[in-house]
Amino acid sequence: MERITALCEAFGNPQDKLKFVHVAGTNGKGSVCNMIACVLTQAGYKTGLFTSPYVVDFRERIQIDSEMIPKNELADIIEKIKKIIPELESRNIYPTEFEIITAAAFLYFLQEKCDIVVLETGLGGTLDSTNIISNSEVSVITSVSMDHTEVLGSTLKEIAEHKCGIIKENGTVVSYPQPDFTIERLIKERAKEKNCEFVPNELSRMRLVRQELDGSVVIYAGCTFFIPLPGKHQLYNFSTAAAAINVLKNKGYVITMKNLIDGISKVRIPARIEIVSHNPLVIIDGGHNAEGVDALCDYLKTQCSDKKIIAVFGMMKDKNYQYCIGKLAPLCTRIYTTTPSNPRSLKASELAAETKPYCKGKVKAVSEPSKAYAKALKKADEQSAVVVSGSLYLASDIKIGQK
């Protein structure tokens, strides 16, 4: 933490003058953060949002009340940070890109006098640069699963320990409905060690009315909600966000049920089972680990069972692509493997060779994402669903290509 510490100290520790909802986890962080931020905005609070990664525009990472940081403001703040870098380097302190962006976000949120900031960790929690904050209104742990094992550890417990690093002394902790009970127990134990109140999620107070192509209708606390994020997993994310909102209400934040209903209805997140076209049906999803692909496949089975699935598929070679292939490929009638714009990408030809044994239809390697996508669209008709999946880098390639 010495780099982010030195960086923030150089600017008088702007993070100490802000209030935070701090969110860590493997999957669902972005959804939970956006839900909480939208509700707070609806309640009249000037709300900062720091998330990663971005999909189309770098400025997606730093927002206030759903508006991206203006280009000139981002440039001005980065220019200020750039000026102090030589002094840090003279002390053998070399901040990373993520640390610089974290500091920039703090400076912007303070400059704009945000009432509260919803802060998403980048990687892990304990040693994540966002963990420079000394306290939070509530610490939220979303779903914990296997990802970034080369950094966070080879077991769920090791990964969860990193996530729990955001838990602060005498604070409040909310946890997602963890599929592994031992992880829930570990989070409770870490909360108790820090003398924190552990607040369960709100899943038991929710009832699913129906799942739709574009989202879900649920009854929560006697009120009807539409969650405009497709997939059953978003119910779990909503139950987590609702619990965090309740913590804030108990701390004196004035948030009505109407604020909650209206805020949730306005949530929009790119590349999370995002429907970009209805005719033909086109779905872009950036899920790149087992849990993310499970969520996508569950959605396709329930909402697209009458469709022929044409996939544009690309993954990083350091991800568990074998598992993802085994889940997604059997659902598809045709797959175009491609190479996302990232040096860590698995080559389209290698991915095609791995995929062919699992797909009942044709598998073809098309290296350039835009060409693979064009071929998929050409094959699509009213009975088809084009699914772009496997990587946020691929999602970015396709969405940027559509602009």
Protein backbone atom coordinates (compact mmCIF):
# COMPACT_ATOMS: atom_id res chain seq x y z
CA MET A 1 0.00 0.00 0.00
CA GLU A 2 3.02 2.31 0.10
CA ARG A 3 2.42 3.65 -3.44
CA ILE A 4 -1.23 4.66 -3.01
CA THR A 5 -0.40 5.94 0.50
CA ALA A 6 2.33 8.23 -0.82
CA LEU A 7 0.10 9.35 -3.70
CA CYS A 8 -2.80 10.30 -1.44
CA GLU A 9 -0.54 11.94 1.16
CA ALA A 10 0.84 14.20 -1.57
CA PHE A 11 -2.69 15.63 -1.96
CA GLY A 12 -3.58 15.85 1.72
CA ASN A 13 -5.41 12.50 1.85
CA PRO A 14 -8.62 13.43 0.02
CA GLN A 15 -10.11 10.02 0.85
CA ASP A 16 -10.24 10.95 4.55
CA LYS A 17 -12.69 13.75 3.75
CA LEU A 18 -15.21 11.51 1.97
CA LYS A 19 -17.80 8.91 3.01
CA PHE A 20 -17.86 5.51 1.35
CA VAL A 21 -19.77 2.36 0.62
CA HIS A 22 -16.91 -0.08 -0.06
CA VAL A 23 -17.61 -3.14 -2.22
CA ALA A 24 -15.39 -6.19 -2.81
CA GLY A 25 -16.08 -9.59 -4.35
CA THR A 26 -15.45 -11.74 -7.42
CA ASN A 27 -18.71 -11.34 -9.33
CA GLY A 28 -21.54 -8.84 -9.00
CA LYS A 29 -19.49 -5.89 -7.71
CA GLY A 30 -20.40 -3.67 -10.64
CA SER A 31 -24.10 -4.50 -10.44
CA VAL A 32 -24.30 -3.99 -6.67
CA CYS A 33 -22.33 -0.73 -6.87
CA ASN A 34 -24.53 0.65 -9.62
CA MET A 35 -27.71 -0.33 -7.78
CA ILE A 36 -26.61 1.38 -4.56
CA ALA A 37 -25.38 4.47 -6.41
CA CYS A 38 -28.61 4.87 -8.42
CA VAL A 39 -30.74 4.60 -5.29
CA LEU A 40 -28.64 7.16 -3.42
CA THR A 41 -28.89 9.54 -6.37
CA GLN A 42 -32.68 9.10 -6.42
CA ALA A 43 -32.69 9.93 -2.70
CA GLY A 44 -31.06 13.28 -3.47
CA TYR A 45 -27.49 12.51 -2.43
CA LYS A 46 -24.65 13.62 -4.67
CA THR A 47 -23.16 10.19 -5.27
CA GLY A 48 -19.74 9.31 -6.62
CA LEU A 49 -19.19 5.94 -8.26
CA PHE A 50 -15.79 4.35 -8.85
CA THR A 51 -15.84 1.06 -10.77
CA SER A 52 -13.69 -1.00 -13.10
CA PRO A 53 -13.07 -2.06 -15.72
CA TYR A 54 -14.63 0.17 -18.35
CA VAL A 55 -16.20 -1.23 -21.52
CA VAL A 56 -16.37 1.61 -24.06
CA ASP A 57 -15.20 4.85 -22.45
CA PHE A 58 -12.44 5.06 -19.84
CA ARG A 59 -14.47 7.68 -17.99
CA GLU A 60 -17.08 5.04 -17.10
CA ARG A 61 -14.82 4.34 -14.12
CA ILE A 62 -15.44 7.71 -12.43
CA GLN A 63 -19.02 8.99 -12.30
CA ILE A 64 -21.21 11.31 -10.24
CA ASP A 65 -24.96 10.72 -10.33
CA SER A 66 -24.57 8.47 -13.38
CA GLU A 67 -22.63 11.13 -15.33
CA MET A 68 -19.07 10.33 -16.37
CA ILE A 69 -16.29 12.67 -15.33
CA PRO A 70 -15.95 15.37 -18.03
CA LYS A 71 -12.90 14.96 -20.25
CA ASN A 72 -11.40 18.31 -19.25
CA GLU A 73 -11.81 17.52 -15.53
CA LEU A 74 -10.12 14.15 -15.94
CA ALA A 75 -7.28 15.78 -17.90
CA ASP A 76 -6.80 18.51 -15.28
CA ILE A 77 -6.67 16.06 -12.38
CA ILE A 78 -4.28 13.69 -14.16
CA GLU A 79 -2.08 16.70 -14.96
CA LYS A 80 -1.94 17.55 -11.23
CA ILE A 81 -0.98 13.98 -10.38
CA LYS A 82 1.62 13.88 -13.14
CA LYS A 83 3.44 16.84 -11.58
CA ILE A 84 4.11 15.02 -8.30
CA ILE A 85 5.23 11.72 -9.88
CA PRO A 86 8.93 12.72 -10.27
CA GLU A 87 9.16 13.43 -6.54
CA LEU A 88 7.64 10.01 -5.75
CA GLU A 89 9.98 8.30 -8.21
CA SER A 90 12.95 9.97 -6.51
CA ARG A 91 11.89 7.93 -3.44
CA ASN A 92 11.59 4.73 -5.53
CA ILE A 93 7.79 4.91 -5.47
CA TYR A 94 6.26 4.12 -8.84
CA PRO A 95 2.43 4.27 -8.78
CA THR A 96 0.50 1.93 -11.06
CA GLU A 97 -2.21 3.05 -13.48
CA PHE A 98 -4.95 1.78 -11.14
CA GLU A 99 -3.45 3.63 -8.18
CA ILE A 100 -3.30 6.86 -10.17
CA ILE A 101 -6.93 6.49 -11.27
CA THR A 102 -7.99 5.72 -7.69
CA ALA A 103 -6.31 8.91 -6.46
CA ALA A 104 -7.85 10.86 -9.36
CA ALA A 105 -11.30 9.62 -8.37
CA PHE A 106 -10.80 10.72 -4.75
CA LEU A 107 -9.68 14.17 -5.90
CA TYR A 108 -12.64 14.55 -8.25
CA PHE A 109 -15.24 13.38 -5.72
CA LEU A 110 -13.84 15.75 -3.09
CA GLN A 111 -13.64 18.63 -5.54
CA GLU A 112 -17.29 18.11 -6.48
CA LYS A 113 -18.34 17.78 -2.82
CA CYS A 114 -19.93 14.35 -3.08
CA ASP A 115 -22.14 13.36 -0.16
CA ILE A 116 -21.10 9.73 -0.48
CA VAL A 117 -18.99 7.53 -2.79
CA VAL A 118 -19.70 3.94 -3.85
CA LEU A 119 -16.23 2.47 -4.18
CA GLU A 120 -15.52 -0.80 -5.98
CA THR A 121 -12.26 -2.62 -5.36
CA GLY A 122 -10.13 -3.51 -8.35
CA LEU A 123 -8.50 -6.79 -7.30
CA GLY A 124 -8.95 -8.54 -3.97
CA GLY A 125 -9.41 -6.14 -1.10
CA THR A 126 -6.64 -6.23 1.48
CA LEU A 127 -3.96 -4.78 -0.80
CA ASP A 128 -6.26 -3.07 -3.28
CA SER A 129 -5.55 0.64 -3.66
CA THR A 130 -9.14 1.52 -2.72
CA ASN A 131 -8.40 0.03 0.71
CA ILE A 132 -6.48 3.21 1.57
CA ILE A 133 -9.76 4.48 3.00
CA SER A 134 -9.80 4.38 6.81
CA ASN A 135 -13.52 3.68 7.27
CA SER A 136 -16.73 3.11 5.41
CA GLU A 137 -20.44 3.51 6.06
CA VAL A 138 -20.81 -0.15 5.11
CA SER A 139 -18.50 -2.83 3.71
CA VAL A 140 -20.13 -5.11 1.14
CA ILE A 141 -18.82 -8.53 0.09
CA THR A 142 -20.45 -9.77 -3.12
CA SER A 143 -20.20 -13.28 -4.54
CA VAL A 144 -16.83 -14.95 -3.92
CA SER A 145 -15.65 -17.48 -6.50
CA MET A 146 -12.49 -18.67 -8.23
CA ASP A 147 -10.78 -15.95 -10.26
CA HIS A 148 -7.38 -14.21 -10.32
CA THR A 149 -5.98 -17.28 -8.57
CA GLU A 150 -2.43 -16.35 -9.59
CA VAL A 151 -2.69 -13.31 -7.29
CA LEU A 152 -5.36 -14.07 -4.70
CA GLY A 153 -4.76 -17.75 -3.98
CA SER A 154 -5.79 -21.17 -5.21
CA THR A 155 -8.70 -21.77 -2.82
CA LEU A 156 -12.00 -20.02 -2.16
CA LYS A 157 -10.94 -19.41 1.43
CA GLU A 158 -7.72 -17.64 0.39
CA ILE A 159 -9.64 -15.48 -2.09
CA ALA A 160 -12.32 -14.65 0.49
CA GLU A 161 -9.63 -13.59 2.98
CA HIS A 162 -8.46 -10.97 0.48
CA LYS A 163 -12.02 -9.73 -0.06
CA CYS A 164 -12.57 -9.48 3.70
CA GLY A 165 -9.60 -7.11 3.89
CA ILE A 166 -11.98 -4.19 3.31
CA ILE A 167 -13.76 -4.85 6.63
CA LYS A 168 -12.97 -1.98 9.01
CA GLU A 169 -12.97 -1.87 12.83
CA ASN A 170 -16.38 -1.15 14.41
CA GLY A 171 -18.06 -1.06 11.03
CA THR A 172 -20.98 -2.84 9.37
CA VAL A 173 -20.69 -5.72 6.92
CA VAL A 174 -23.20 -6.98 4.35
CA SER A 175 -22.71 -10.24 2.47
CA TYR A 176 -24.17 -11.59 -0.77
CA PRO A 177 -25.99 -14.97 -0.47
CA GLN A 178 -22.75 -16.94 -0.77
CA PRO A 179 -23.26 -20.31 -2.49
CA ASP A 180 -20.55 -21.81 -0.25
CA PHE A 181 -21.59 -21.73 3.41
CA THR A 182 -17.98 -21.84 4.60
CA ILE A 183 -17.36 -18.49 2.88
CA GLU A 184 -20.36 -16.90 4.58
CA ARG A 185 -19.08 -18.22 7.90
CA LEU A 186 -15.60 -16.82 7.23
CA ILE A 187 -17.04 -13.36 6.45
CA LYS A 188 -19.03 -13.45 9.71
CA GLU A 189 -15.90 -14.46 11.63
CA ARG A 190 -13.83 -11.63 10.13
CA ALA A 191 -16.62 -9.18 10.90
CA LYS A 192 -16.72 -10.36 14.52
CA GLU A 193 -12.93 -10.05 14.84
CA LYS A 194 -13.21 -6.38 13.79
CA ASN A 195 -16.10 -5.79 16.19
CA CYS A 196 -18.44 -5.24 13.25
CA GLU A 197 -22.15 -5.75 12.91
CA PHE A 198 -22.90 -8.44 10.31
CA VAL A 199 -26.06 -7.71 8.32
CA PRO A 200 -27.56 -10.53 6.25
CA ASN A 201 -28.79 -9.91 2.71
CA GLU A 202 -32.47 -9.38 1.99
CA LEU A 203 -33.06 -12.52 -0.08
CA SER A 204 -35.51 -14.01 2.43
CA ARG A 205 -37.76 -10.94 2.04
CA MET A 206 -37.89 -11.25 -1.75
CA ARG A 207 -40.19 -13.23 -4.01
CA LEU A 208 -39.64 -13.70 -7.71
CA VAL A 209 -42.79 -12.96 -9.70
CA ARG A 210 -41.35 -13.65 -13.13
CA GLN A 211 -38.16 -13.54 -15.13
CA GLU A 212 -38.29 -11.67 -18.41
CA LEU A 213 -35.91 -11.27 -21.31
CA ASP A 214 -34.93 -7.78 -20.12
CA GLY A 215 -34.99 -8.31 -16.36
CA SER A 216 -37.00 -9.62 -13.42
CA VAL A 217 -40.13 -8.61 -11.53
CA VAL A 218 -39.90 -9.23 -7.79
CA ILE A 219 -41.85 -8.46 -4.65
CA TYR A 220 -39.65 -7.03 -1.91
CA ALA A 221 -40.90 -5.67 1.42
CA GLY A 222 -44.44 -5.73 0.02
CA CYS A 223 -43.59 -3.62 -3.05
CA THR A 224 -43.18 -4.58 -6.70
CA PHE A 225 -39.78 -3.95 -8.29
CA PHE A 226 -38.51 -4.32 -11.83
CA ILE A 227 -34.80 -5.15 -11.92
CA PRO A 228 -33.70 -4.11 -15.44
CA LEU A 229 -30.66 -6.40 -15.42
CA PRO A 230 -31.30 -9.81 -16.98
CA GLY A 231 -30.54 -13.05 -15.19
CA LYS A 232 -31.59 -14.72 -11.97
CA HIS A 233 -28.24 -13.84 -10.36
CA GLN A 234 -29.31 -10.18 -10.36
CA LEU A 235 -31.91 -11.02 -7.70
CA TYR A 236 -29.04 -11.97 -5.40
CA ASN A 237 -27.22 -8.76 -6.26
CA PHE A 238 -30.39 -6.78 -5.54
CA SER A 239 -30.81 -8.51 -2.17
CA THR A 240 -27.26 -7.44 -1.30
CA ALA A 241 -27.71 -3.85 -2.46
CA ALA A 242 -31.02 -3.57 -0.57
CA ALA A 243 -29.32 -4.72 2.65
CA ALA A 244 -26.60 -2.08 2.19
CA ILE A 245 -29.26 0.59 1.62
CA ASN A 246 -30.98 -0.47 4.85
CA VAL A 247 -27.68 -0.05 6.71
CA LEU A 248 -27.40 3.50 5.34
CA LYS A 249 -30.99 4.25 6.40
CA ASN A 250 -30.17 3.06 9.91
CA LYS A 251 -27.21 5.46 9.89
CA GLY A 252 -29.47 8.42 9.16
CA TYR A 253 -29.59 8.55 5.36
CA VAL A 254 -33.10 9.44 4.21
CA ILE A 255 -34.03 6.88 1.56
CA THR A 256 -37.68 6.09 0.82
CA MET A 257 -39.15 2.97 -0.74
CA LYS A 258 -39.95 5.08 -3.82
CA ASN A 259 -36.27 6.06 -4.03
CA LEU A 260 -35.39 2.37 -3.93
CA ILE A 261 -37.93 1.38 -6.60
CA ASP A 262 -37.04 4.29 -8.91
CA GLY A 263 -33.30 3.92 -8.39
CA ILE A 264 -33.25 0.21 -9.21
CA SER A 265 -35.39 0.79 -12.31
CA LYS A 266 -32.73 3.15 -13.68
CA VAL A 267 -29.72 0.83 -13.35
CA ARG A 268 -27.91 0.23 -16.64
CA ILE A 269 -24.62 -1.68 -16.90
CA PRO A 270 -22.85 -2.48 -20.17
CA ALA A 271 -21.84 -6.06 -21.04
CA ARG A 272 -23.66 -7.80 -18.18
CA ILE A 273 -26.12 -9.92 -20.20
CA GLU A 274 -26.83 -6.70 -22.08
CA ILE A 275 -29.44 -6.87 -24.83
CA VAL A 276 -28.28 -4.52 -27.58
CA SER A 277 -30.86 -5.59 -30.16
CA HIS A 278 -34.20 -7.41 -30.13
CA ASN A 279 -34.44 -8.12 -33.85
CA PRO A 280 -32.30 -10.06 -34.22
CA LEU A 281 -31.78 -10.74 -30.53
CA VAL A 282 -28.19 -9.79 -29.65
CA ILE A 283 -26.77 -10.27 -26.16
CA ILE A 284 -23.34 -9.03 -25.07
CA ASP A 285 -21.88 -10.47 -21.87
CA GLY A 286 -18.43 -10.01 -20.39
CA GLY A 287 -18.56 -12.95 -17.96
CA HIS A 288 -15.12 -14.55 -17.98
CA ASN A 289 -15.06 -16.98 -15.06
CA ALA A 290 -17.05 -20.06 -14.06
CA GLU A 291 -19.70 -18.20 -12.08
CA GLY A 292 -20.19 -15.57 -14.77
CA VAL A 293 -20.61 -18.15 -17.52
CA ASP A 294 -22.95 -20.19 -15.30
CA ALA A 295 -25.17 -17.10 -14.95
CA LEU A 296 -25.20 -16.53 -18.72
CA CYS A 297 -25.98 -20.18 -19.48
CA ASP A 298 -28.79 -20.23 -16.92
CA TYR A 299 -30.27 -17.16 -18.59
CA LEU A 300 -29.99 -18.67 -22.08
CA LYS A 301 -31.67 -21.89 -20.94
CA THR A 302 -34.60 -20.07 -19.36
CA GLN A 303 -35.10 -17.13 -21.72
CA CYS A 304 -33.72 -18.34 -25.06
CA SER A 305 -34.69 -22.03 -25.07
CA ASP A 306 -36.62 -21.51 -28.32
CA LYS A 307 -33.71 -19.78 -30.04
CA LYS A 308 -30.77 -21.03 -32.07
CA ILE A 309 -27.72 -19.69 -30.24
CA ILE A 310 -25.00 -18.25 -32.47
CA ALA A 311 -22.01 -17.35 -30.31
CA VAL A 312 -19.08 -15.02 -30.84
CA PHE A 313 -16.65 -16.37 -28.29
CA GLY A 314 -13.26 -15.11 -27.10
CA MET A 315 -11.35 -15.55 -23.86
CA MET A 316 -8.09 -14.81 -22.09
CA LYS A 317 -5.66 -17.72 -21.93
CA ASP A 318 -5.17 -17.21 -18.18
CA LYS A 319 -8.88 -17.86 -17.50
CA ASN A 320 -10.55 -21.25 -17.05
CA TYR A 321 -11.66 -21.36 -20.67
CA GLN A 322 -12.06 -25.16 -20.64
CA TYR A 323 -14.86 -24.89 -18.07
CA CYS A 324 -16.53 -22.03 -19.94
CA ILE A 325 -16.39 -23.93 -23.24
CA GLY A 326 -17.93 -26.99 -21.61
CA LYS A 327 -20.88 -24.96 -20.33
CA LEU A 328 -21.59 -22.63 -23.27
CA ALA A 329 -20.69 -24.62 -26.38
CA PRO A 330 -23.34 -27.36 -26.00
CA LEU A 331 -26.05 -24.68 -26.06
CA CYS A 332 -24.89 -23.29 -29.41
CA THR A 333 -25.78 -24.21 -32.99
CA ARG A 334 -22.84 -22.20 -34.37
CA ILE A 335 -19.75 -20.61 -32.78
CA TYR A 336 -17.30 -18.09 -34.16
CA THR A 337 -14.20 -18.06 -31.98
CA THR A 338 -12.20 -14.85 -32.06
CA THR A 339 -9.22 -13.09 -30.52
CA PRO A 340 -10.11 -10.14 -28.24
CA SER A 341 -7.86 -7.06 -28.34
CA ASN A 342 -5.57 -7.98 -25.49
CA PRO A 343 -2.11 -9.61 -25.43
CA ARG A 344 -3.42 -12.21 -22.95
CA SER A 345 -6.05 -13.45 -25.40
CA LEU A 346 -6.25 -17.07 -26.47
CA LYS A 347 -5.89 -17.26 -30.25
CA ALA A 348 -9.10 -17.84 -32.16
CA SER A 349 -7.70 -21.00 -33.79
CA GLU A 350 -6.68 -22.52 -30.45
CA LEU A 351 -10.05 -21.70 -28.92
CA ALA A 352 -11.82 -23.24 -31.94
CA ALA A 353 -9.85 -26.49 -31.56
CA GLU A 354 -10.85 -26.67 -27.87
CA THR A 355 -14.49 -25.82 -28.63
CA LYS A 356 -15.31 -28.17 -31.54
CA PRO A 357 -15.81 -31.34 -29.44
CA TYR A 358 -18.51 -29.60 -27.37
CA CYS A 359 -20.57 -27.84 -30.03
CA LYS A 360 -23.29 -29.68 -31.98
CA GLY A 361 -22.97 -27.20 -34.86
CA LYS A 362 -20.19 -25.50 -36.81
CA VAL A 363 -17.20 -23.87 -35.11
CA LYS A 364 -15.13 -21.43 -37.11
CA ALA A 365 -12.13 -19.31 -36.09
CA VAL A 366 -12.31 -15.65 -37.17
CA SER A 367 -9.45 -13.72 -35.61
CA GLU A 368 -10.85 -10.21 -35.87
CA PRO A 369 -13.78 -9.66 -33.47
CA SER A 370 -15.68 -7.27 -35.76
CA LYS A 371 -15.56 -9.78 -38.62
CA ALA A 372 -16.64 -12.64 -36.35
CA TYR A 373 -19.56 -10.52 -35.15
CA ALA A 374 -20.55 -9.57 -38.71
CA LYS A 375 -20.58 -13.24 -39.72
CA ALA A 376 -22.76 -14.11 -36.73
CA LEU A 377 -25.25 -11.36 -37.57
CA LYS A 378 -25.39 -12.53 -41.19
CA LYS A 379 -26.43 -16.01 -40.03
CA ALA A 380 -29.05 -14.70 -37.58
CA ASP A 381 -32.81 -14.65 -38.18
CA GLU A 382 -35.93 -14.25 -36.03
CA GLN A 383 -35.34 -17.68 -34.49
CA SER A 384 -31.75 -16.86 -33.50
CA ALA A 385 -29.93 -15.21 -30.63
CA VAL A 386 -26.43 -13.86 -31.22
CA VAL A 387 -24.43 -14.10 -28.00
CA VAL A 388 -21.09 -12.31 -27.60
CA SER A 389 -19.33 -13.76 -24.57
CA GLY A 390 -16.16 -14.80 -22.76
CA SER A 391 -14.41 -11.50 -22.05
CA LEU A 392 -15.03 -7.84 -21.26
CA TYR A 393 -12.27 -7.08 -23.77
CA LEU A 394 -14.32 -8.81 -26.46
CA ALA A 395 -17.45 -6.98 -25.31
CA SER A 396 -15.51 -3.73 -25.63
CA ASP A 397 -14.30 -4.62 -29.13
CA ILE A 398 -17.86 -5.25 -30.31
CA LYS A 399 -19.48 -2.25 -28.59
CA ILE A 400 -16.79 0.15 -29.82
CA GLY A 401 -17.22 -1.30 -33.30
CA GLN A 402 -20.96 -0.53 -33.12
CA LYS A 403 -20.43 3.18 -32.33
